[in-house]
N, C-alpha and C. Protein backbone atom coordinates (compact mmCIF):
# COMPACT_ATOMS: atom_id res chain seq x y z
N MET A 1 0.81 -1.19 0.00
CA MET A 1 0.00 0.00 0.00
C MET A 1 0.85 1.26 0.00
N TYR A 2 1.79 1.37 0.93
CA TYR A 2 2.59 2.58 1.04
C TYR A 2 3.85 2.52 0.17
N ASN A 3 4.43 1.35 -0.01
CA ASN A 3 5.55 1.08 -0.91
C ASN A 3 6.58 2.21 -0.95
N LEU A 4 7.22 2.47 0.14
CA LEU A 4 8.19 3.55 0.28
C LEU A 4 9.58 3.06 -0.11
N PHE A 5 10.05 3.42 -1.30
CA PHE A 5 11.40 3.14 -1.77
C PHE A 5 11.74 1.65 -1.76
N GLU A 6 10.87 0.81 -2.24
CA GLU A 6 11.15 -0.62 -2.25
C GLU A 6 11.83 -1.11 -3.52
N ASP A 7 11.81 -0.34 -4.56
CA ASP A 7 12.42 -0.75 -5.81
C ASP A 7 13.94 -0.71 -5.65
N GLU A 8 14.58 -1.84 -5.81
CA GLU A 8 16.03 -1.91 -5.66
C GLU A 8 16.77 -1.06 -6.70
N ASP A 9 16.09 -0.69 -7.77
CA ASP A 9 16.72 0.13 -8.80
C ASP A 9 16.41 1.61 -8.63
N ASP A 10 15.84 1.99 -7.50
CA ASP A 10 15.51 3.40 -7.31
C ASP A 10 16.77 4.23 -7.11
N ILE A 11 16.62 5.53 -7.00
CA ILE A 11 17.78 6.41 -6.91
C ILE A 11 18.56 6.22 -5.61
N PHE A 12 17.96 5.60 -4.61
CA PHE A 12 18.65 5.38 -3.34
C PHE A 12 19.38 4.05 -3.30
N GLN A 13 19.26 3.25 -4.35
CA GLN A 13 19.96 1.97 -4.45
C GLN A 13 19.65 1.03 -3.29
N GLY A 14 18.40 0.82 -3.02
CA GLY A 14 18.01 -0.14 -2.00
C GLY A 14 16.90 0.36 -1.11
N SER A 15 16.50 -0.51 -0.22
CA SER A 15 15.40 -0.20 0.70
C SER A 15 15.92 0.61 1.88
N PRO A 16 15.03 1.24 2.63
CA PRO A 16 15.45 1.95 3.84
C PRO A 16 16.20 1.03 4.81
N LYS A 17 15.75 -0.22 4.91
CA LYS A 17 16.42 -1.16 5.81
C LYS A 17 17.84 -1.44 5.35
N SER A 18 18.04 -1.67 4.05
CA SER A 18 19.39 -1.97 3.56
C SER A 18 20.31 -0.77 3.73
N LYS A 19 19.78 0.46 3.54
CA LYS A 19 20.60 1.66 3.74
C LYS A 19 20.95 1.82 5.21
N PHE A 20 19.99 1.54 6.10
CA PHE A 20 20.25 1.61 7.53
C PHE A 20 21.37 0.64 7.91
N LEU A 21 21.29 -0.58 7.41
CA LEU A 21 22.32 -1.57 7.74
C LEU A 21 23.68 -1.16 7.17
N ASP A 22 23.70 -0.59 5.98
CA ASP A 22 24.96 -0.06 5.42
C ASP A 22 25.56 0.98 6.35
N ILE A 23 24.72 1.89 6.83
CA ILE A 23 25.18 2.96 7.72
C ILE A 23 25.68 2.37 9.04
N VAL A 24 24.93 1.45 9.62
CA VAL A 24 25.31 0.86 10.90
C VAL A 24 26.68 0.20 10.82
N PHE A 25 26.94 -0.49 9.71
CA PHE A 25 28.19 -1.22 9.59
C PHE A 25 29.35 -0.39 9.06
N ASN A 26 29.07 0.79 8.48
CA ASN A 26 30.14 1.54 7.83
C ASN A 26 30.36 2.96 8.33
N ALA A 27 29.42 3.53 9.05
CA ALA A 27 29.57 4.92 9.51
C ALA A 27 30.42 4.97 10.77
N ASN A 28 30.72 6.17 11.20
CA ASN A 28 31.48 6.40 12.42
C ASN A 28 30.82 5.66 13.58
N ARG A 29 31.60 4.85 14.25
CA ARG A 29 31.08 4.00 15.32
C ARG A 29 30.40 4.80 16.44
N ASP A 30 30.98 5.93 16.82
CA ASP A 30 30.40 6.75 17.89
C ASP A 30 29.03 7.30 17.49
N LEU A 31 28.89 7.70 16.23
CA LEU A 31 27.62 8.23 15.75
C LEU A 31 26.55 7.14 15.72
N VAL A 32 26.94 5.97 15.26
CA VAL A 32 26.00 4.84 15.23
C VAL A 32 25.61 4.45 16.65
N HIS A 33 26.59 4.43 17.54
CA HIS A 33 26.31 4.11 18.95
C HIS A 33 25.30 5.09 19.53
N ALA A 34 25.49 6.38 19.28
CA ALA A 34 24.58 7.40 19.80
C ALA A 34 23.17 7.22 19.23
N GLU A 35 23.07 6.90 17.95
CA GLU A 35 21.75 6.71 17.34
C GLU A 35 21.06 5.47 17.89
N LEU A 36 21.80 4.38 18.04
CA LEU A 36 21.21 3.16 18.60
C LEU A 36 20.79 3.39 20.05
N GLU A 37 21.57 4.16 20.78
CA GLU A 37 21.20 4.51 22.16
C GLU A 37 19.90 5.32 22.18
N ARG A 38 19.76 6.26 21.24
CA ARG A 38 18.54 7.06 21.14
C ARG A 38 17.33 6.16 20.85
N VAL A 39 17.51 5.23 19.92
CA VAL A 39 16.41 4.32 19.55
C VAL A 39 16.03 3.43 20.73
N MET A 40 17.02 2.90 21.45
CA MET A 40 16.73 2.03 22.60
C MET A 40 16.05 2.81 23.72
N ASN A 41 16.50 4.04 23.97
CA ASN A 41 15.85 4.86 25.00
C ASN A 41 14.39 5.12 24.64
N ARG A 42 14.16 5.43 23.39
CA ARG A 42 12.79 5.68 22.93
C ARG A 42 11.93 4.42 23.08
N MET A 43 12.50 3.28 22.72
CA MET A 43 11.77 2.02 22.83
C MET A 43 11.49 1.69 24.30
N ALA A 44 12.43 1.99 25.19
CA ALA A 44 12.23 1.75 26.61
C ALA A 44 11.07 2.59 27.14
N VAL A 45 11.00 3.85 26.74
CA VAL A 45 9.90 4.72 27.17
C VAL A 45 8.57 4.17 26.66
N LEU A 46 8.54 3.78 25.39
CA LEU A 46 7.30 3.24 24.83
C LEU A 46 6.87 1.96 25.55
N GLU A 47 7.84 1.10 25.88
CA GLU A 47 7.53 -0.13 26.63
C GLU A 47 6.96 0.20 28.01
N LEU A 48 7.56 1.18 28.70
CA LEU A 48 7.07 1.56 30.01
C LEU A 48 5.64 2.11 29.94
N LEU A 49 5.39 2.94 28.94
CA LEU A 49 4.04 3.50 28.78
C LEU A 49 3.02 2.41 28.47
N MET A 50 3.42 1.47 27.62
CA MET A 50 2.51 0.36 27.30
C MET A 50 2.28 -0.52 28.53
N GLN A 51 3.34 -0.73 29.29
CA GLN A 51 3.22 -1.55 30.49
C GLN A 51 2.25 -0.93 31.50
N GLU A 52 2.32 0.39 31.64
CA GLU A 52 1.40 1.09 32.54
C GLU A 52 -0.05 0.93 32.07
N HIS A 53 -0.23 0.94 30.77
CA HIS A 53 -1.59 0.90 30.22
C HIS A 53 -2.14 -0.53 30.10
N TYR A 54 -1.29 -1.47 29.66
CA TYR A 54 -1.77 -2.83 29.36
C TYR A 54 -1.28 -3.90 30.33
N GLY A 55 -0.36 -3.56 31.20
CA GLY A 55 0.25 -4.56 32.06
C GLY A 55 1.36 -5.28 31.31
N GLU A 56 2.26 -5.88 32.07
CA GLU A 56 3.42 -6.51 31.45
C GLU A 56 3.04 -7.63 30.48
N GLU A 57 2.07 -8.44 30.85
CA GLU A 57 1.65 -9.55 29.99
C GLU A 57 0.87 -9.06 28.77
N GLY A 58 0.25 -7.91 28.88
CA GLY A 58 -0.57 -7.41 27.78
C GLY A 58 0.21 -6.81 26.63
N ILE A 59 1.46 -6.44 26.88
CA ILE A 59 2.26 -5.79 25.84
C ILE A 59 2.40 -6.68 24.61
N ASP A 60 2.82 -7.92 24.82
CA ASP A 60 3.01 -8.83 23.67
C ASP A 60 1.71 -9.06 22.92
N ARG A 61 0.62 -9.18 23.64
CA ARG A 61 -0.69 -9.38 23.00
C ARG A 61 -1.04 -8.19 22.12
N VAL A 62 -0.84 -6.99 22.63
CA VAL A 62 -1.16 -5.77 21.88
C VAL A 62 -0.26 -5.66 20.66
N ILE A 63 1.02 -5.96 20.82
CA ILE A 63 1.96 -5.88 19.70
C ILE A 63 1.59 -6.89 18.62
N LYS A 64 1.33 -8.13 19.01
CA LYS A 64 0.94 -9.15 18.03
C LYS A 64 -0.32 -8.75 17.29
N SER A 65 -1.27 -8.22 18.01
CA SER A 65 -2.53 -7.78 17.40
C SER A 65 -2.28 -6.66 16.40
N ALA A 66 -1.48 -5.68 16.79
CA ALA A 66 -1.19 -4.55 15.89
C ALA A 66 -0.42 -5.01 14.66
N LEU A 67 0.52 -5.93 14.83
CA LEU A 67 1.26 -6.45 13.68
C LEU A 67 0.34 -7.12 12.67
N PHE A 68 -0.69 -7.78 13.17
CA PHE A 68 -1.64 -8.45 12.29
C PHE A 68 -2.65 -7.47 11.70
N GLU A 69 -3.27 -6.67 12.55
CA GLU A 69 -4.37 -5.80 12.12
C GLU A 69 -3.91 -4.55 11.38
N ARG A 70 -2.69 -4.12 11.63
CA ARG A 70 -2.21 -2.86 11.03
C ARG A 70 -0.88 -3.08 10.31
N ALA A 71 -0.75 -4.21 9.66
CA ALA A 71 0.51 -4.60 9.04
C ALA A 71 1.05 -3.54 8.08
N ASP A 72 0.19 -2.97 7.24
CA ASP A 72 0.65 -1.97 6.28
C ASP A 72 1.18 -0.72 6.98
N GLU A 73 0.46 -0.29 8.00
CA GLU A 73 0.90 0.90 8.75
C GLU A 73 2.20 0.64 9.50
N VAL A 74 2.33 -0.55 10.07
CA VAL A 74 3.55 -0.92 10.79
C VAL A 74 4.72 -0.95 9.82
N GLU A 75 4.52 -1.53 8.65
CA GLU A 75 5.59 -1.58 7.65
C GLU A 75 6.01 -0.17 7.22
N PHE A 76 5.04 0.69 6.99
CA PHE A 76 5.33 2.07 6.59
C PHE A 76 6.09 2.81 7.69
N MET A 77 5.65 2.65 8.93
CA MET A 77 6.32 3.31 10.05
C MET A 77 7.73 2.78 10.24
N THR A 78 7.91 1.48 10.07
CA THR A 78 9.24 0.89 10.19
C THR A 78 10.19 1.49 9.17
N LYS A 79 9.73 1.61 7.93
CA LYS A 79 10.56 2.22 6.89
C LYS A 79 10.89 3.67 7.23
N ASN A 80 9.91 4.40 7.74
CA ASN A 80 10.16 5.79 8.13
C ASN A 80 11.19 5.88 9.25
N LEU A 81 11.14 4.96 10.19
CA LEU A 81 12.10 4.97 11.29
C LEU A 81 13.51 4.63 10.80
N TYR A 82 13.62 3.71 9.84
CA TYR A 82 14.93 3.44 9.23
C TYR A 82 15.47 4.71 8.57
N ILE A 83 14.62 5.39 7.82
CA ILE A 83 15.03 6.61 7.13
C ILE A 83 15.44 7.68 8.14
N GLU A 84 14.66 7.83 9.20
CA GLU A 84 14.98 8.82 10.23
C GLU A 84 16.34 8.53 10.87
N SER A 85 16.60 7.27 11.19
CA SER A 85 17.87 6.91 11.81
C SER A 85 19.04 7.14 10.87
N VAL A 86 18.88 6.79 9.61
CA VAL A 86 19.93 7.05 8.62
C VAL A 86 20.20 8.55 8.55
N GLY A 87 19.15 9.34 8.48
CA GLY A 87 19.30 10.79 8.43
C GLY A 87 20.00 11.33 9.66
N ASN A 88 19.66 10.81 10.83
CA ASN A 88 20.30 11.26 12.07
C ASN A 88 21.80 11.00 12.05
N VAL A 89 22.20 9.81 11.62
CA VAL A 89 23.63 9.48 11.58
C VAL A 89 24.34 10.31 10.52
N LEU A 90 23.75 10.41 9.34
CA LEU A 90 24.41 11.14 8.25
C LEU A 90 24.55 12.62 8.55
N THR A 91 23.56 13.24 9.17
CA THR A 91 23.68 14.67 9.47
C THR A 91 24.72 14.93 10.54
N GLN A 92 24.93 13.98 11.44
CA GLN A 92 25.97 14.13 12.46
C GLN A 92 27.36 13.86 11.88
N ASN A 93 27.41 13.14 10.77
CA ASN A 93 28.67 12.74 10.15
C ASN A 93 29.28 13.86 9.33
N GLU A 94 28.51 14.92 9.05
CA GLU A 94 29.00 15.99 8.17
C GLU A 94 29.95 16.91 8.88
């Protein structure tokens, strides 16, 4: 549905995920470390908020349900997050 940069022949030469992995393995280690730390901190906050709302056991149930019921939106958001992380590392690398 959203098909964000999935054509391997596009001007970016790959998917957001493949570009993210290229950056993670090839960019300045300190910059990648900082970005991964930012992502983990954000994920920790989201987990805590979900835990408060759904309880510890409810988190996995809610995630599984969302992955099934909102698969297209989850895929689109995942691609956007890859793009955001690549942008964060590249702008710090300049």
